C-alpha cells in the first residue's frame, strides 16, 4: 500500500469519526489563524510607528540639547573674557599704584 493510499484511508476514517465537526473546527482554526495573523501585522505596524515617533522625538531633543549647550558655551566664553578683562584691569591698577608708590618714595 502506498503512502498516498494510507493518507486517503486515514482521511476517510477521520471523516467518519468526526464528520461535520472536523470541517467546522478546520474553518474555525482558519478564521482564528487569519485573525491572529492580522493582529500580528497590526501590532508590527503599531510598533514600527511608535519606534519612528520615538526616534524622531529623540533626534529633536538631541538638537535642542546641542543648541542649549552651544548657547551656554558662548555665555561661558563671554563671562571668561569679562573675567580676564577684570583681572587685567586689576593688574594694571596694581602696576599703576606701584609706579605711584615708587615716585612718592623717590
PDB file of N, CA and C in Angstrom:
ATOM      1  N   UNK A   1       0.840  -1.161   0.000  1.00  0.00           N
ATOM      2  CA  UNK A   1       0.000   0.000   0.000  1.00  0.00           C
ATOM      3  C   UNK A   1       0.901   1.245   0.000  1.00  0.00           C
ATOM      4  N   UNK A   2       0.533   2.227  -0.811  1.00  0.00           N
ATOM      5  CA  UNK A   2       1.363   3.424  -0.893  1.00  0.00           C
ATOM      6  C   UNK A   2       0.988   4.399   0.229  1.00  0.00           C
ATOM      7  N   UNK A   3       1.859   5.335   0.385  1.00  0.00           N
ATOM      8  CA  UNK A   3       1.652   6.333   1.426  1.00  0.00           C
ATOM      9  C   UNK A   3       0.428   7.193   1.110  1.00  0.00           C
ATOM     10  N   UNK A   4       0.226   7.465  -0.157  1.00  0.00           N
ATOM     11  CA  UNK A   4      -0.922   8.268  -0.574  1.00  0.00           C
ATOM     12  C   UNK A   4      -2.233   7.542  -0.261  1.00  0.00           C
ATOM     13  N   UNK A   5      -2.257   6.248  -0.490  1.00  0.00           N
ATOM     14  CA  UNK A   5      -3.454   5.454  -0.188  1.00  0.00           C
ATOM     15  C   UNK A   5      -3.718   5.441   1.309  1.00  0.00           C
ATOM     16  N   UNK A   6      -2.636   5.329   2.099  1.00  0.00           N
ATOM     17  CA  UNK A   6      -2.774   5.348   3.567  1.00  0.00           C
ATOM     18  C   UNK A   6      -3.372   6.673   4.033  1.00  0.00           C
ATOM     19  N   UNK A   7      -2.862   7.760   3.481  1.00  0.00           N
ATOM     20  CA  UNK A   7      -3.379   9.086   3.852  1.00  0.00           C
ATOM     21  C   UNK A   7      -4.849   9.224   3.474  1.00  0.00           C
ATOM     22  N   UNK A   8      -5.207   8.727   2.320  1.00  0.00           N
ATOM     23  CA  UNK A   8      -6.590   8.798   1.863  1.00  0.00           C
ATOM     24  C   UNK A   8      -7.500   8.005   2.801  1.00  0.00           C
ATOM     25  N   UNK A   9      -7.082   6.810   3.177  1.00  0.00           N
ATOM     26  CA  UNK A   9      -7.874   5.977   4.089  1.00  0.00           C
ATOM     27  C   UNK A   9      -7.989   6.642   5.463  1.00  0.00           C
ATOM     28  N   UNK A  10      -6.884   7.241   5.914  1.00  0.00           N
ATOM     29  CA  UNK A  10      -6.899   7.932   7.207  1.00  0.00           C
ATOM     30  C   UNK A  10      -7.870   9.106   7.173  1.00  0.00           C
ATOM     31  N   UNK A  11      -7.878   9.838   6.090  1.00  0.00           N
ATOM     32  CA  UNK A  11      -8.809  10.959   5.946  1.00  0.00           C
ATOM     33  C   UNK A  11     -10.250  10.456   5.940  1.00  0.00           C
ATOM     34  N   UNK A  12     -10.499   9.322   5.299  1.00  0.00           N
ATOM     35  CA  UNK A  12     -11.850   8.745   5.259  1.00  0.00           C
ATOM     36  C   UNK A  12     -12.303   8.329   6.653  1.00  0.00           C
ATOM     37  N   UNK A  13     -11.396   7.739   7.437  1.00  0.00           N
ATOM     38  CA  UNK A  13     -11.726   7.334   8.810  1.00  0.00           C
ATOM     39  C   UNK A  13     -12.011   8.564   9.664  1.00  0.00           C
ATOM     40  N   UNK A  14     -11.165   9.591   9.521  1.00  0.00           N
ATOM     41  CA  UNK A  14     -11.386  10.835  10.283  1.00  0.00           C
ATOM     42  C   UNK A  14     -12.732  11.449   9.922  1.00  0.00           C
ATOM     43  N   UNK A  15     -13.100  11.387   8.663  1.00  0.00           N
ATOM     44  CA  UNK A  15     -14.375  11.939   8.207  1.00  0.00           C
ATOM     45  C   UNK A  15     -15.538  11.154   8.825  1.00  0.00           C
ATOM     46  N   UNK A  16     -15.401   9.829   8.899  1.00  0.00           N
ATOM     47  CA  UNK A  16     -16.451   9.014   9.502  1.00  0.00           C
ATOM     48  C   UNK A  16     -16.594   9.296  10.998  1.00  0.00           C
ATOM     49  N   UNK A  17     -15.456   9.404  11.682  1.00  0.00           N
ATOM     50  CA  UNK A  17     -15.484   9.592  13.133  1.00  0.00           C
ATOM     51  C   UNK A  17     -15.932  11.009  13.508  1.00  0.00           C
ATOM     52  N   UNK A  18     -15.289  11.992  12.899  1.00  0.00           N
ATOM     53  CA  UNK A  18     -15.546  13.372  13.304  1.00  0.00           C
ATOM     54  C   UNK A  18     -16.567  14.070  12.409  1.00  0.00           C
ATOM     55  N   UNK A  19     -16.679  13.655  11.192  1.00  0.00           N
ATOM     56  CA  UNK A  19     -17.680  14.179  10.276  1.00  0.00           C
ATOM     57  C   UNK A  19     -17.659  15.691  10.141  1.00  0.00           C
ATOM     58  N   UNK A  20     -18.845  16.276  10.282  1.00  0.00           N
ATOM     59  CA  UNK A  20     -19.034  17.708  10.095  1.00  0.00           C
ATOM     60  C   UNK A  20     -18.248  18.525  11.121  1.00  0.00           C
ATOM     61  N   UNK A  21     -18.073  17.988  12.332  1.00  0.00           N
ATOM     62  CA  UNK A  21     -17.347  18.709  13.374  1.00  0.00           C
ATOM     63  C   UNK A  21     -15.935  19.059  12.926  1.00  0.00           C
ATOM     64  N   UNK A  22     -15.298  18.146  12.241  1.00  0.00           N
ATOM     65  CA  UNK A  22     -13.922  18.379  11.800  1.00  0.00           C
ATOM     66  C   UNK A  22     -13.869  19.544  10.816  1.00  0.00           C
ATOM     67  N   UNK A  23     -14.842  19.614   9.924  1.00  0.00           N
ATOM     68  CA  UNK A  23     -14.880  20.715   8.956  1.00  0.00           C
ATOM     69  C   UNK A  23     -15.100  22.043   9.679  1.00  0.00           C
ATOM     70  N   UNK A  24     -15.968  22.019  10.695  1.00  0.00           N
ATOM     71  CA  UNK A  24     -16.214  23.232  11.482  1.00  0.00           C
ATOM     72  C   UNK A  24     -14.947  23.661  12.222  1.00  0.00           C
ATOM     73  N   UNK A  25     -14.253  22.686  12.808  1.00  0.00           N
ATOM     74  CA  UNK A  25     -13.009  23.007  13.513  1.00  0.00           C
ATOM     75  C   UNK A  25     -11.966  23.575  12.552  1.00  0.00           C
ATOM     76  N   UNK A  26     -11.864  22.955  11.378  1.00  0.00           N
ATOM     77  CA  UNK A  26     -10.920  23.461  10.384  1.00  0.00           C
ATOM     78  C   UNK A  26     -11.255  24.890   9.996  1.00  0.00           C
ATOM     79  N   UNK A  27     -12.537  25.161   9.821  1.00  0.00           N
ATOM     80  CA  UNK A  27     -12.985  26.503   9.454  1.00  0.00           C
ATOM     81  C   UNK A  27     -12.685  27.500  10.578  1.00  0.00           C
ATOM     82  N   UNK A  28     -12.997  27.096  11.818  1.00  0.00           N
ATOM     83  CA  UNK A  28     -12.738  27.975  12.965  1.00  0.00           C
ATOM     84  C   UNK A  28     -11.240  28.231  13.142  1.00  0.00           C
ATOM     85  N   UNK A  29     -10.438  27.187  12.974  1.00  0.00           N
ATOM     86  CA  UNK A  29      -8.990  27.361  13.094  1.00  0.00           C
ATOM     87  C   UNK A  29      -8.446  28.269  11.995  1.00  0.00           C
ATOM     88  N   UNK A  30      -8.995  28.145  10.795  1.00  0.00           N
ATOM     89  CA  UNK A  30      -8.561  29.004   9.689  1.00  0.00           C
ATOM     90  C   UNK A  30      -8.902  30.459   9.991  1.00  0.00           C
ATOM     91  N   UNK A  31     -10.110  30.703  10.524  1.00  0.00           N
ATOM     92  CA  UNK A  31     -10.510  32.062  10.895  1.00  0.00           C
ATOM     93  C   UNK A  31      -9.620  32.598  12.013  1.00  0.00           C
ATOM     94  N   UNK A  32      -9.371  31.752  13.000  1.00  0.00           N
ATOM     95  CA  UNK A  32      -8.525  32.144  14.124  1.00  0.00           C
ATOM     96  C   UNK A  32      -7.109  32.471  13.657  1.00  0.00           C
ATOM     97  N   UNK A  33      -6.587  31.627  12.778  1.00  0.00           N
ATOM     98  CA  UNK A  33      -5.247  31.861  12.243  1.00  0.00           C
ATOM     99  C   UNK A  33      -5.203  33.177  11.465  1.00  0.00           C
ATOM    100  N   UNK A  34      -6.246  33.438  10.694  1.00  0.00           N
ATOM    101  CA  UNK A  34      -6.326  34.685   9.937  1.00  0.00           C
ATOM    102  C   UNK A  34      -6.381  35.887  10.878  1.00  0.00           C
ATOM    103  N   UNK A  35      -7.178  35.774  11.928  1.00  0.00           N
ATOM    104  CA  UNK A  35      -7.293  36.852  12.909  1.00  0.00           C
ATOM    105  C   UNK A  35      -5.960  37.102  13.616  1.00  0.00           C
ATOM    106  N   UNK A  36      -5.300  36.042  14.010  1.00  0.00           N
ATOM    107  CA  UNK A  36      -4.000  36.169  14.683  1.00  0.00           C
ATOM    108  C   UNK A  36      -2.987  36.820  13.753  1.00  0.00           C
ATOM    109  N   UNK A  37      -2.973  36.401  12.510  1.00  0.00           N
ATOM    110  CA  UNK A  37      -2.041  36.974  11.531  1.00  0.00           C
ATOM    111  C   UNK A  37      -2.310  38.466  11.347  1.00  0.00           C
ATOM    112  N   UNK A  38      -3.592  38.838  11.216  1.00  0.00           N
ATOM    113  CA  UNK A  38      -3.941  40.252  11.049  1.00  0.00           C
ATOM    114  C   UNK A  38      -3.523  41.072  12.270  1.00  0.00           C
ATOM    115  N   UNK A  39      -3.824  40.558  13.439  1.00  0.00           N
ATOM    116  CA  UNK A  39      -3.453  41.289  14.659  1.00  0.00           C
ATOM    117  C   UNK A  39      -1.942  41.394  14.802  1.00  0.00           C
ATOM    118  N   UNK A  40      -1.247  40.359  14.413  1.00  0.00           N
ATOM    119  CA  UNK A  40       0.210  40.384  14.465  1.00  0.00           C
ATOM    120  C   UNK A  40       0.750  41.472  13.542  1.00  0.00           C
ATOM    121  N   UNK A  41       0.210  41.552  12.343  1.00  0.00           N
ATOM    122  CA  UNK A  41       0.632  42.582  11.395  1.00  0.00           C
ATOM    123  C   UNK A  41       0.290  43.980  11.915  1.00  0.00           C
ATOM    124  N   UNK A  42      -0.906  44.121  12.509  1.00  0.00           N
ATOM    125  CA  UNK A  42      -1.300  45.411  13.091  1.00  0.00           C
ATOM    126  C   UNK A  42      -0.334  45.821  14.206  1.00  0.00           C
ATOM    127  N   UNK A  43       0.038  44.864  15.050  1.00  0.00           N
ATOM    128  CA  UNK A  43       0.956  45.154  16.148  1.00  0.00           C
ATOM    129  C   UNK A  43       2.343  45.526  15.627  1.00  0.00           C
ATOM    130  N   UNK A  44       2.778  44.828  14.582  1.00  0.00           N
ATOM    131  CA  UNK A  44       4.080  45.153  13.988  1.00  0.00           C
ATOM    132  C   UNK A  44       4.073  46.577  13.440  1.00  0.00           C
ATOM    133  N   UNK A  45       2.977  46.962  12.776  1.00  0.00           N
ATOM    134  CA  UNK A  45       2.871  48.313  12.224  1.00  0.00           C
ATOM    135  C   UNK A  45       2.833  49.344  13.348  1.00  0.00           C
ATOM    136  N   UNK A  46       2.059  49.056  14.373  1.00  0.00           N
ATOM    137  CA  UNK A  46       1.965  49.971  15.511  1.00  0.00           C
ATOM    138  C   UNK A  46       3.318  50.137  16.191  1.00  0.00           C
ATOM    139  N   UNK A  47       4.019  49.049  16.369  1.00  0.00           N
ATOM    140  CA  UNK A  47       5.346  49.098  16.981  1.00  0.00           C
ATOM    141  C   UNK A  47       6.319  49.882  16.111  1.00  0.00           C
ATOM    142  N   UNK A  48       6.246  49.673  14.817  1.00  0.00           N
ATOM    143  CA  UNK A  48       7.106  50.388  13.885  1.00  0.00           C
ATOM    144  C   UNK A  48       6.818  51.886  13.929  1.00  0.00           C
ATOM    145  N   UNK A  49       5.528  52.244  13.958  1.00  0.00           N
ATOM    146  CA  UNK A  49       5.148  53.657  14.043  1.00  0.00           C
ATOM    147  C   UNK A  49       5.644  54.277  15.350  1.00  0.00           C
ATOM    148  N   UNK A  50       5.472  53.561  16.446  1.00  0.00           N
ATOM    149  CA  UNK A  50       5.925  54.057  17.754  1.00  0.00           C
ATOM    150  C   UNK A  50       7.437  54.225  17.771  1.00  0.00           C
ATOM    151  N   UNK A  51       8.135  53.277  17.187  1.00  0.00           N
ATOM    152  CA  UNK A  51       9.597  53.362  17.114  1.00  0.00           C
ATOM    153  C   UNK A  51      10.019  54.610  16.343  1.00  0.00           C
ATOM    154  N   UNK A  52       9.366  54.868  15.210  1.00  0.00           N
ATOM    155  CA  UNK A  52       9.732  56.033  14.404  1.00  0.00           C
ATOM    156  C   UNK A  52       9.432  57.329  15.151  1.00  0.00           C
ATOM    157  N   UNK A  53       8.280  57.387  15.825  1.00  0.00           N
ATOM    158  CA  UNK A  53       7.941  58.590  16.603  1.00  0.00           C
ATOM    159  C   UNK A  53       8.967  58.819  17.707  1.00  0.00           C
ATOM    160  N   UNK A  54       9.342  57.762  18.395  1.00  0.00           N
ATOM    161  CA  UNK A  54      10.328  57.869  19.467  1.00  0.00           C
ATOM    162  C   UNK A  54      11.676  58.310  18.917  1.00  0.00           C
ATOM    163  N   UNK A  55      12.068  57.748  17.797  1.00  0.00           N
ATOM    164  CA  UNK A  55      13.326  58.118  17.161  1.00  0.00           C
ATOM    165  C   UNK A  55      13.324  59.600  16.777  1.00  0.00           C
ATOM    166  N   UNK A  56      12.224  60.068  16.185  1.00  0.00           N
ATOM    167  CA  UNK A  56      12.104  61.481  15.805  1.00  0.00           C
ATOM    168  C   UNK A  56      12.167  62.381  17.039  1.00  0.00           C
ATOM    169  N   UNK A  57      11.490  61.978  18.098  1.00  0.00           N
ATOM    170  CA  UNK A  57      11.485  62.762  19.333  1.00  0.00           C
ATOM    171  C   UNK A  57      12.891  62.843  19.932  1.00  0.00           C
ATOM    172  N   UNK A  58      13.601  61.741  19.926  1.00  0.00           N
ATOM    173  CA  UNK A  58      14.970  61.726  20.450  1.00  0.00           C
ATOM    174  C   UNK A  58      15.866  62.644  19.619  1.00  0.00           C
ATOM    175  N   UNK A  59      15.717  62.607  18.297  1.00  0.00           N
ATOM    176  CA  UNK A  59      16.515  63.475  17.439  1.00  0.00           C
ATOM    177  C   UNK A  59      16.198  64.950  17.709  1.00  0.00           C
ATOM    178  N   UNK A  60      14.928  65.259  17.895  1.00  0.00           N
ATOM    179  CA  UNK A  60      14.522  66.626  18.196  1.00  0.00           C
ATOM    180  C   UNK A  60      15.116  67.076  19.534  1.00  0.00           C
ATOM    181  N   UNK A  61      15.024  66.221  20.541  1.00  0.00           N
ATOM    182  CA  UNK A  61      15.577  66.559  21.848  1.00  0.00           C
ATOM    183  C   UNK A  61      17.091  66.726  21.771  1.00  0.00           C
ATOM    184  N   UNK A  62      17.731  65.897  20.964  1.00  0.00           N
ATOM    185  CA  UNK A  62      19.180  65.992  20.788  1.00  0.00           C
ATOM    186  C   UNK A  62      19.556  67.340  20.181  1.00  0.00           C
ATOM    187  N   UNK A  63      18.814  67.785  19.166  1.00  0.00           N
ATOM    188  CA  UNK A  63      19.078  69.082  18.537  1.00  0.00           C
ATOM    189  C   UNK A  63      18.904  70.218  19.543  1.00  0.00           C
ATOM    190  N   UNK A  64      17.821  70.142  20.333  1.00  0.00           N
ATOM    191  CA  UNK A  64      17.571  71.174  21.338  1.00  0.00           C
ATOM    192  C   UNK A  64      18.684  71.193  22.382  1.00  0.00           C
ATOM    193  N   UNK A  65      19.143  70.031  22.784  1.00  0.00           N
ATOM    194  CA  UNK A  65      20.210  69.942  23.772  1.00  0.00           C
ATOM    195  C   UNK A  65      21.508  70.537  23.219  1.00  0.00           C
ATOM    196  N   UNK A  66      21.836  70.217  21.985  1.00  0.00           N
ATOM    197  CA  UNK A  66      23.039  70.768  21.361  1.00  0.00           C
ATOM    198  C   UNK A  66      22.940  72.288  21.272  1.00  0.00           C
ATOM    199  N   UNK A  67      21.756  72.788  20.918  1.00  0.00           N
ATOM    200  CA  UNK A  67      21.546  74.232  20.842  1.00  0.00           C
ATOM    201  C   UNK A  67      21.762  74.884  22.208  1.00  0.00           C
ATOM    202  N   UNK A  68      21.218  74.286  23.251  1.00  0.00           N
ATOM    203  CA  UNK A  68      21.396  74.840  24.600  1.00  0.00           C
ATOM    204  C   UNK A  68      22.859  74.800  25.035  1.00  0.00           C
ATOM    205  N   UNK A  69      23.524  73.712  24.716  1.00  0.00           N
ATOM    206  CA  UNK A  69      24.946  73.592  25.064  1.00  0.00           C
ATOM    207  C   UNK A  69      25.749  74.681  24.352  1.00  0.00           C
ATOM    208  N   UNK A  70      25.453  74.916  23.074  1.00  0.00           N
ATOM    209  CA  UNK A  70      26.157  75.961  22.321  1.00  0.00           C
ATOM    210  C   UNK A  70      25.922  77.340  22.926  1.00  0.00           C
ATOM    211  N   UNK A  71      24.680  77.621  23.324  1.00  0.00           N
ATOM    212  CA  UNK A  71      24.370  78.905  23.962  1.00  0.00           C
ATOM    213  C   UNK A  71      25.144  79.051  25.277  1.00  0.00           C
ATOM    214  N   UNK A  72      25.186  77.986  26.057  1.00  0.00           N
ATOM    215  CA  UNK A  72      25.911  78.034  27.324  1.00  0.00           C
ATOM    216  C   UNK A  72      27.418  78.211  27.110  1.00  0.00           C
ATOM    217  N   UNK A  73      27.956  77.579  26.065  1.00  0.00           N
ATOM    218  CA  UNK A  73      29.381  77.750  25.753  1.00  0.00           C
ATOM    219  C   UNK A  73      29.680  79.200  25.398  1.00  0.00           C
ATOM    220  N   UNK A  74      28.813  79.819  24.598  1.00  0.00           N
ATOM    221  CA  UNK A  74      29.005  81.225  24.228  1.00  0.00           C
ATOM    222  C   UNK A  74      28.937  82.111  25.465  1.00  0.00           C
ATOM    223  N   UNK A  75      27.976  81.844  26.327  1.00  0.00           N
ATOM    224  CA  UNK A  75      27.841  82.627  27.557  1.00  0.00           C
ATOM    225  C   UNK A  75      29.065  82.441  28.447  1.00  0.00           C
ATOM    226  N   UNK A  76      29.538  81.219  28.551  1.00  0.00           N
ATOM    227  CA  UNK A  76      30.731  80.933  29.348  1.00  0.00           C
ATOM    228  C   UNK A  76      31.955  81.641  28.777  1.00  0.00           C
ATOM    229  N   UNK A  77      32.089  81.623  27.453  1.00  0.00           N
ATOM    230  CA  UNK A  77      33.204  82.327  26.812  1.00  0.00           C
ATOM    231  C   UNK A  77      33.133  83.820  27.083  1.00  0.00           C
ATOM    232  N   UNK A  78      31.944  84.396  26.993  1.00  0.00           N
ATOM    233  CA  UNK A  78      31.778  85.832  27.253  1.00  0.00           C
ATOM    234  C   UNK A  78      32.136  86.167  28.696  1.00  0.00           C
ATOM    235  N   UNK A  79      31.678  85.342  29.627  1.00  0.00           N
ATOM    236  CA  UNK A  79      31.993  85.578  31.043  1.00  0.00           C
ATOM    237  C   UNK A  79      33.487  85.409  31.298  1.00  0.00           C
ATOM    238  N   UNK A  80      34.110  84.467  30.627  1.00  0.00           N
ATOM    239  CA  UNK A  80      35.544  84.254  30.778  1.00  0.00           C
ATOM    240  C   UNK A  80      36.329  85.465  30.288  1.00  0.00           C
ATOM    241  N   UNK A  81      35.934  86.015  29.141  1.00  0.00           N
ATOM    242  CA  UNK A  81      36.595  87.228  28.610  1.00  0.00           C
ATOM    243  C   UNK A  81      36.393  88.379  29.575  1.00  0.00           C
ATOM    244  N   UNK A  82      35.168  88.513  30.084  1.00  0.00           N
ATOM    245  CA  UNK A  82      34.874  89.583  31.043  1.00  0.00           C
ATOM    246  C   UNK A  82      35.727  89.447  32.299  1.00  0.00           C
ATOM    247  N   UNK A  83      35.873  88.236  32.790  1.00  0.00           N
ATOM    248  CA  UNK A  83      36.680  87.991  33.986  1.00  0.00           C
ATOM    249  C   UNK A  83      38.146  88.285  33.715  1.00  0.00           C
ATOM    250  N   UNK A  84      38.637  87.867  32.567  1.00  0.00           N
ATOM    251  CA  UNK A  84      40.041  88.150  32.210  1.00  0.00           C
ATOM    252  C   UNK A  84      40.287  89.644  32.105  1.00  0.00           C
ATOM    253  N   UNK A  85      39.337  90.379  31.533  1.00  0.00           N
ATOM    254  CA  UNK A  85      39.480  91.832  31.438  1.00  0.00           C
ATOM    255  C   UNK A  85      39.479  92.448  32.831  1.00  0.00           C
ATOM    256  N   UNK A  86      38.661  91.949  33.703  1.00  0.00           N
ATOM    257  CA  UNK A  86      38.595  92.444  35.072  1.00  0.00           C
ATOM    258  C   UNK A  86      39.923  92.207  35.779  1.00  0.00           C
ATOM    259  N   UNK A  87      40.503  91.026  35.590  1.00  0.00           N
ATOM    260  CA  UNK A  87      41.795  90.723  36.215  1.00  0.00           C
ATOM    261  C   UNK A  87      42.891  91.581  35.608  1.00  0.00           C
ATOM    262  N   UNK A  88      42.844  91.797  34.312  1.00  0.00           N
ATOM    263  CA  UNK A  88      43.840  92.638  33.649  1.00  0.00           C
ATOM    264  C   UNK A  88      43.749  94.056  34.194  1.00  0.00           C
ATOM    265  N   UNK A  89      42.534  94.543  34.365  1.00  0.00           N
ATOM    266  CA  UNK A  89      42.351  95.887  34.904  1.00  0.00           C
ATOM    267  C   UNK A  89      42.912  95.972  36.318  1.00  0.00           C
ATOM    268  N   UNK A  90      42.744  94.941  37.117  1.00  0.00           N
ATOM    269  CA  UNK A  90      43.308  94.927  38.467  1.00  0.00           C
ATOM    270  C   UNK A  90      44.828  94.914  38.413  1.00  0.00           C
ATOM    271  N   UNK A  91      45.360  94.146  37.484  1.00  0.00           N
ATOM    272  CA  UNK A  91      46.822  94.089  37.348  1.00  0.00           C
ATOM    273  C   UNK A  91      47.361  95.430  36.903  1.00  0.00           C
ATOM    274  N   UNK A  92      46.675  96.063  35.980  1.00  0.00           N
ATOM    275  CA  UNK A  92      47.103  97.396  35.514  1.00  0.00           C
ATOM    276  C   UNK A  92      47.031  98.392  36.659  1.00  0.00           C
ATOM    277  N   UNK A  93      45.950  98.337  37.429  1.00  0.00           N
ATOM    278  CA  UNK A  93      45.798  99.227  38.579  1.00  0.00           C
ATOM    279  C   UNK A  93      46.912  98.993  39.594  1.00  0.00           C
ATOM    280  N   UNK A  94      47.224  97.731  39.840  1.00  0.00           N
ATOM    281  CA  UNK A  94      48.304  97.421  40.788  1.00  0.00           C
ATOM    282  C   UNK A  94      49.632  97.967  40.271  1.00  0.00           C
ATOM    283  N   UNK A  95      49.875  97.841  39.001  1.00  0.00           N
ATOM    284  CA  UNK A  95      51.122  98.360  38.420  1.00  0.00           C
ATOM    285  C   UNK A  95      51.167  99.879  38.536  1.00  0.00           C
ATOM    286  N   UNK A  96      50.044 100.532  38.256  1.00  0.00           N
ATOM    287  CA  UNK A  96      49.999 101.996  38.378  1.00  0.00           C
ATOM    288  C   UNK A  96      50.229 102.428  39.822  1.00  0.00           C
ATOM    289  N   UNK A  97      49.605 101.736  40.757  1.00  0.00           N
ATOM    290  CA  UNK A  97      49.802 102.069  42.174  1.00  0.00           C
ATOM    291  C   UNK A  97      51.255 101.846  42.581  1.00  0.00           C
ATOM    292  N   UNK A  98      51.865 100.815  42.045  1.00  0.00           N
ATOM    293  CA  UNK A  98      53.264 100.534  42.332  1.00  0.00           C
ATOM    294  C   UNK A  98      54.154 101.653  41.774  1.00  0.00           C
ATOM    295  N   UNK A  99      53.846 102.120  40.564  1.00  0.00           N
ATOM    296  CA  UNK A  99      54.619 103.215  39.966  1.00  0.00           C
ATOM    297  C   UNK A  99      54.468 104.492  40.778  1.00  0.00           C
ATOM    298  N   UNK A 100      53.224 104.761  41.241  1.00  0.00           N
ATOM    299  CA  UNK A 100      52.983 105.946  42.066  1.00  0.00           C
ATOM    300  C   UNK A 100      53.761 105.853  43.370  1.00  0.00           C
ATOM    301  N   UNK A 101      53.756 104.651  43.951  1.00  0.00           N
ATOM    302  CA  UNK A 101      54.483 104.460  45.204  1.00  0.00           C
ATOM    303  C   UNK A 101      55.979 104.666  44.962  1.00  0.00           C
ATOM    304  N   UNK A 102      56.498 104.176  43.847  1.00  0.00           N
ATOM    305  CA  UNK A 102      57.920 104.396  43.532  1.00  0.00           C
ATOM    306  C   UNK A 102      58.237 105.877  43.394  1.00  0.00           C
ATOM    307  N   UNK A 103      57.354 106.618  42.724  1.00  0.00           N
ATOM    308  CA  UNK A 103      57.566 108.054  42.520  1.00  0.00           C
ATOM    309  C   UNK A 103      57.491 108.799  43.847  1.00  0.00           C
ATOM    310  N   UNK A 104      56.593 108.353  44.719  1.00  0.00           N
ATOM    311  CA  UNK A 104      56.469 109.012  46.020  1.00  0.00           C
ATOM    312  C   UNK A 104      57.693 108.727  46.897  1.00  0.00           C
ATOM    313  N   UNK A 105      58.257 107.594  46.757  1.00  0.00           N
ATOM    314  CA  UNK A 105      59.427 107.223  47.528  1.00  0.00           C
ATOM    315  C   UNK A 105      60.683 107.862  46.956  1.00  0.00           C
ATOM    316  N   UNK A 106      60.638 108.271  45.735  1.00  0.00           N
ATOM    317  CA  UNK A 106      61.831 108.850  45.120  1.00  0.00           C
ATOM    318  C   UNK A 106      62.051 110.270  45.496  1.00  0.00           C
TER     319      UNK A 106
END
